[in-house]
C-alpha atoms as a PDB file:
ATOM      1  CA  PHE A   1      -0.014  -0.021  -0.022  1.00  0.00           C
ATOM      2  CA  GLU A   2       1.480   3.316  -0.973  1.00  0.00           C
ATOM      3  CA  GLY A   3       1.112   6.669   0.665  1.00  0.00           C
ATOM      4  CA  PHE A   4       3.369   9.626   1.039  1.00  0.00           C
ATOM      5  CA  ALA A   5       5.153  11.871   3.476  1.00  0.00           C
ATOM      6  CA  SER A   6       4.846  15.571   2.755  1.00  0.00           C
ATOM      7  CA  VAL A   7       7.601  17.837   3.974  1.00  0.00           C
ATOM      8  CA  THR A   8       7.250  21.649   3.746  1.00  0.00           C
ATOM      9  CA  VAL A   9      10.468  23.601   3.373  1.00  0.00           C
ATOM     10  CA  ASN A  10      10.155  27.237   4.390  1.00  0.00           C
ATOM     11  CA  ARG A  11      12.479  30.046   3.459  1.00  0.00           C
ATOM     12  CA  THR A  12      12.888  32.681   6.211  1.00  0.00           C
ATOM     13  CA  GLY A  13      14.791  35.906   6.426  1.00  0.00           C
ATOM     14  CA  SER A  14      14.926  37.805   3.127  1.00  0.00           C
ATOM     15  CA  SER A  15      13.064  36.530   0.099  1.00  0.00           C
ATOM     16  CA  LEU A  16      15.178  38.633  -2.271  1.00  0.00           C
ATOM     17  CA  GLY A  17      17.060  36.739  -4.948  1.00  0.00           C
ATOM     18  CA  ALA A  18      17.127  33.056  -5.858  1.00  0.00           C
ATOM     19  CA  VAL A  19      18.321  30.359  -3.376  1.00  0.00           C
ATOM     20  CA  SER A  20      18.407  26.643  -3.401  1.00  0.00           C
ATOM     21  CA  VAL A  21      19.210  23.643  -1.233  1.00  0.00           C
ATOM     22  CA  ASP A  22      19.862  19.962  -2.111  1.00  0.00           C
ATOM     23  CA  TYR A  23      18.130  17.092  -0.301  1.00  0.00           C
ATOM     24  CA  HIS A  24      18.209  13.288  -0.241  1.00  0.00           C
ATOM     25  CA  THR A  25      16.698  10.502   1.850  1.00  0.00           C
ATOM     26  CA  GLU A  26      18.806   8.061   3.835  1.00  0.00           C
ATOM     27  CA  ASP A  27      17.965   4.813   5.556  1.00  0.00           C
ATOM     28  CA  GLY A  28      17.399   4.520   9.263  1.00  0.00           C
ATOM     29  CA  THR A  29      15.462   1.479  10.390  1.00  0.00           C
ATOM     30  CA  ALA A  30      13.158   2.022   7.358  1.00  0.00           C
ATOM     31  CA  LYS A  31      14.801   0.739   4.133  1.00  0.00           C
ATOM     32  CA  ALA A  32      14.734   2.400   0.749  1.00  0.00           C
ATOM     33  CA  GLY A  33      12.929   0.270  -1.819  1.00  0.00           C
ATOM     34  CA  GLU A  34      11.030  -1.619   0.943  1.00  0.00           C
ATOM     35  CA  ASP A  35       9.545   1.027   3.199  1.00  0.00           C
ATOM     36  CA  TYR A  36       9.899   4.164   1.069  1.00  0.00           C
ATOM     37  CA  THR A  37      11.124   5.319  -2.353  1.00  0.00           C
ATOM     38  CA  PRO A  38      14.546   6.947  -2.210  1.00  0.00           C
ATOM     39  CA  THR A  39      14.177  10.611  -3.095  1.00  0.00           C
ATOM     40  CA  PHE A  40      16.689  13.354  -3.918  1.00  0.00           C
ATOM     41  CA  GLY A  41      16.817  16.672  -5.716  1.00  0.00           C
ATOM     42  CA  THR A  42      17.222  20.398  -5.370  1.00  0.00           C
ATOM     43  CA  ILE A  43      14.621  22.787  -4.072  1.00  0.00           C
ATOM     44  CA  SER A  44      14.928  26.187  -5.795  1.00  0.00           C
ATOM     45  CA  PHE A  45      13.239  29.300  -4.514  1.00  0.00           C
ATOM     46  CA  ALA A  46      12.807  32.209  -6.934  1.00  0.00           C
ATOM     47  CA  ALA A  47      12.839  35.743  -5.586  1.00  0.00           C
ATOM     48  CA  GLY A  48       9.701  36.185  -3.456  1.00  0.00           C
ATOM     49  CA  GLU A  49       9.002  32.437  -2.959  1.00  0.00           C
ATOM     50  CA  THR A  50       8.978  31.255   0.637  1.00  0.00           C
ATOM     51  CA  SER A  51       7.597  27.722   0.717  1.00  0.00           C
ATOM     52  CA  LYS A  52       8.103  24.474  -1.277  1.00  0.00           C
ATOM     53  CA  GLN A  53       7.134  20.847  -0.674  1.00  0.00           C
ATOM     54  CA  ILE A  54       8.887  17.523  -0.980  1.00  0.00           C
ATOM     55  CA  PHE A  55       6.812  14.359  -1.360  1.00  0.00           C
ATOM     56  CA  ILE A  56       8.283  10.994  -0.433  1.00  0.00           C
ATOM     57  CA  ILE A  57       6.468   7.834  -1.509  1.00  0.00           C
ATOM     58  CA  THR A  58       6.077   5.407   1.364  1.00  0.00           C
ATOM     59  CA  THR A  59       5.029   1.742   1.411  1.00  0.00           C
ATOM     60  CA  ALA A  60       3.127   0.009   4.139  1.00  0.00           C
ATOM     61  CA  ASP A  61       3.760  -3.734   4.313  1.00  0.00           C
ATOM     62  CA  ASP A  62       2.302  -6.732   6.076  1.00  0.00           C
ATOM     63  CA  LEU A  63       5.198  -7.084   8.519  1.00  0.00           C
ATOM     64  CA  VAL A  64       4.873  -6.223  12.190  1.00  0.00           C
ATOM     65  CA  GLU A  65       7.977  -4.045  12.637  1.00  0.00           C
ATOM     66  CA  GLY A  66       7.096  -1.308  14.996  1.00  0.00           C
ATOM     67  CA  THR A  67       7.854   2.344  14.216  1.00  0.00           C
ATOM     68  CA  GLU A  68      10.563   2.811  11.660  1.00  0.00           C
ATOM     69  CA  THR A  69      12.574   5.929  10.728  1.00  0.00           C
ATOM     70  CA  PHE A  70      14.379   7.311   7.784  1.00  0.00           C
ATOM     71  CA  TYR A  71      16.147  10.605   7.249  1.00  0.00           C
ATOM     72  CA  LEU A  72      15.832  13.590   4.955  1.00  0.00           C
ATOM     73  CA  LYS A  73      19.187  15.331   4.682  1.00  0.00           C
ATOM     74  CA  PHE A  74      19.758  18.903   3.425  1.00  0.00           C
ATOM     75  CA  SER A  75      23.027  20.209   2.027  1.00  0.00           C
ATOM     76  CA  THR A  76      24.689  22.697  -0.302  1.00  0.00           C
ATOM     77  CA  PRO A  77      22.592  25.821   0.233  1.00  0.00           C
ATOM     78  CA  THR A  78      23.238  28.471  -2.469  1.00  0.00           C
ATOM     79  CA  GLY A  79      22.481  32.116  -3.073  1.00  0.00           C
ATOM     80  CA  GLY A  80      23.732  33.254   0.339  1.00  0.00           C
ATOM     81  CA  SER A  81      21.348  30.931   2.212  1.00  0.00           C
ATOM     82  CA  ALA A  82      22.403  28.868   5.249  1.00  0.00           C
ATOM     83  CA  LEU A  83      20.879  25.872   7.025  1.00  0.00           C
ATOM     84  CA  PRO A  84      20.512  26.550  10.734  1.00  0.00           C
ATOM     85  CA  LEU A  85      22.210  24.017  13.009  1.00  0.00           C
ATOM     86  CA  GLY A  86      19.907  21.117  13.612  1.00  0.00           C
ATOM     87  CA  PHE A  87      18.213  21.325  10.212  1.00  0.00           C
ATOM     88  CA  GLN A  88      20.764  19.496   8.083  1.00  0.00           C
ATOM     89  CA  THR A  89      19.052  16.205   8.945  1.00  0.00           C
ATOM     90  CA  MET A  90      15.390  15.585   9.672  1.00  0.00           C
ATOM     91  CA  THR A  91      14.092  12.270  11.068  1.00  0.00           C
ATOM     92  CA  LEU A  92      10.761  10.952   9.677  1.00  0.00           C
ATOM     93  CA  SER A  93       8.983   8.310  11.752  1.00  0.00           C
ATOM     94  CA  MET A  94       6.752   5.705  10.132  1.00  0.00           C
ATOM     95  CA  PRO A  95       4.250   4.108  12.474  1.00  0.00           C
ATOM     96  CA  ASP A  96       3.716   0.418  11.717  1.00  0.00           C
ATOM     97  CA  SER A  97       0.593  -0.333   9.741  1.00  0.00           C
ATOM     98  CA  THR A  98      -0.510  -3.815   8.790  1.00  0.00           C
ATOM     99  CA  SER A  99      -3.994  -2.807   7.785  1.00  0.00           C
ATOM    100  CA  ASN A 100      -5.240  -1.649   4.367  1.00  0.00           C
ATOM    101  CA  GLU A 101      -4.866   1.956   5.279  1.00  0.00           C
ATOM    102  CA  VAL A 102      -2.726   4.355   3.274  1.00  0.00           C
ATOM    103  CA  PHE A 103       0.585   5.114   4.967  1.00  0.00           C
ATOM    104  CA  PRO A 104      -0.304   6.966   8.122  1.00  0.00           C
ATOM    105  CA  TYR A 105       2.389   9.637   7.880  1.00  0.00           C
ATOM    106  CA  ALA A 106       0.785  12.212   5.610  1.00  0.00           C
ATOM    107  CA  GLY A 107       1.418  15.289   7.700  1.00  0.00           C
ATOM    108  CA  ASN A 108       3.724  18.178   7.107  1.00  0.00           C
ATOM    109  CA  VAL A 109       7.022  18.877   8.776  1.00  0.00           C
ATOM    110  CA  ASP A 110       8.433  22.339   8.470  1.00  0.00           C
ATOM    111  CA  VAL A 111      12.158  22.803   7.775  1.00  0.00           C
ATOM    112  CA  THR A 112      13.400  26.349   7.770  1.00  0.00           C
ATOM    113  CA  PHE A 113      16.580  27.845   6.310  1.00  0.00           C
ATOM    114  CA  ASP A 114      17.705  31.425   6.472  1.00  0.00           C
ATOM    115  CA  THR A 115      18.827  33.756   3.702  1.00  0.00           C
END
């Protein structure tokens, strides 16, 4: 059963000029290809833009595993932006689901970087 995790990335400070930041997922106890689809890319903010979203496809299986985690890592900010300490890595928790429900983590997590 597939679902998704939605992560909102907010730009704070000045919204003048273009900035970007790279991101990628990394295994914790949840495994890429089994529990979620590995995701990577670059989020680019044009002048005046302050919010973007990343969607990560997740997979619920029939195994009783308990809560699993994986990481969303941010790096290489450009355009004079900087990632505040503590926001280079974000932990996403996946509650175990053995029912026919869509993956239960469909909320937003805000990640902020300053320009």
